[in-house]
Protein backbone atom coordinates (compact mmCIF):
# COMPACT_ATOMS: atom_id res chain seq x y z
CA UNK A 1 0.00 0.00 0.00
CA UNK A 2 2.78 2.44 0.92
CA UNK A 3 4.60 1.73 -2.34
CA UNK A 4 1.40 2.34 -4.34
CA UNK A 5 0.90 5.66 -2.53
CA UNK A 6 4.48 6.64 -3.37
CA UNK A 7 3.84 5.87 -7.05
CA UNK A 8 0.71 8.05 -6.98
CA UNK A 9 2.63 11.01 -5.50
CA UNK A 10 5.40 10.44 -8.06
CA UNK A 11 2.88 10.51 -10.94
CA UNK A 12 1.22 13.71 -9.67
CA UNK A 13 4.63 15.39 -9.42
CA UNK A 14 5.64 14.06 -12.85
CA UNK A 15 2.45 15.48 -14.40
CA UNK A 16 3.29 18.93 -12.99
CA UNK A 17 6.85 18.74 -14.37
CA UNK A 18 5.53 17.45 -17.73
CA UNK A 19 3.14 20.41 -18.12
CA UNK A 20 5.90 22.94 -17.31
CA UNK A 21 8.27 21.10 -19.69
CA UNK A 22 5.68 21.19 -22.50
CA UNK A 23 5.19 24.94 -21.96
CA UNK A 24 8.98 25.45 -22.05
CA UNK A 25 9.23 23.47 -25.32
CA UNK A 26 6.39 25.51 -26.86
CA UNK A 27 8.14 28.76 -25.86
CA UNK A 28 11.41 27.44 -27.33
CA UNK A 29 9.70 26.48 -30.62
CA UNK A 30 8.01 29.90 -30.84
CA UNK A 31 11.35 31.60 -30.08
CA UNK A 32 13.16 29.57 -32.77
CA UNK A 33 10.38 30.36 -35.28
CA UNK A 34 10.60 34.08 -34.52
CA UNK A 35 14.43 33.92 -34.74
CA UNK A 36 14.25 32.30 -38.19
CA UNK A 37 11.74 34.93 -39.36
CA UNK A 38 13.94 37.79 -38.05
CA UNK A 39 17.12 36.30 -39.63
CA UNK A 40 15.37 35.66 -42.93
């Protein structure tokens, strides 16, 4: 039971990190796109 609870907390934390990581990747992609447009 304790191990299962630990997994649940790990997944909730991982979901938070995943959402922030996705937002960071989107910002990076937008930044690269803008950089290409400015350079070209």
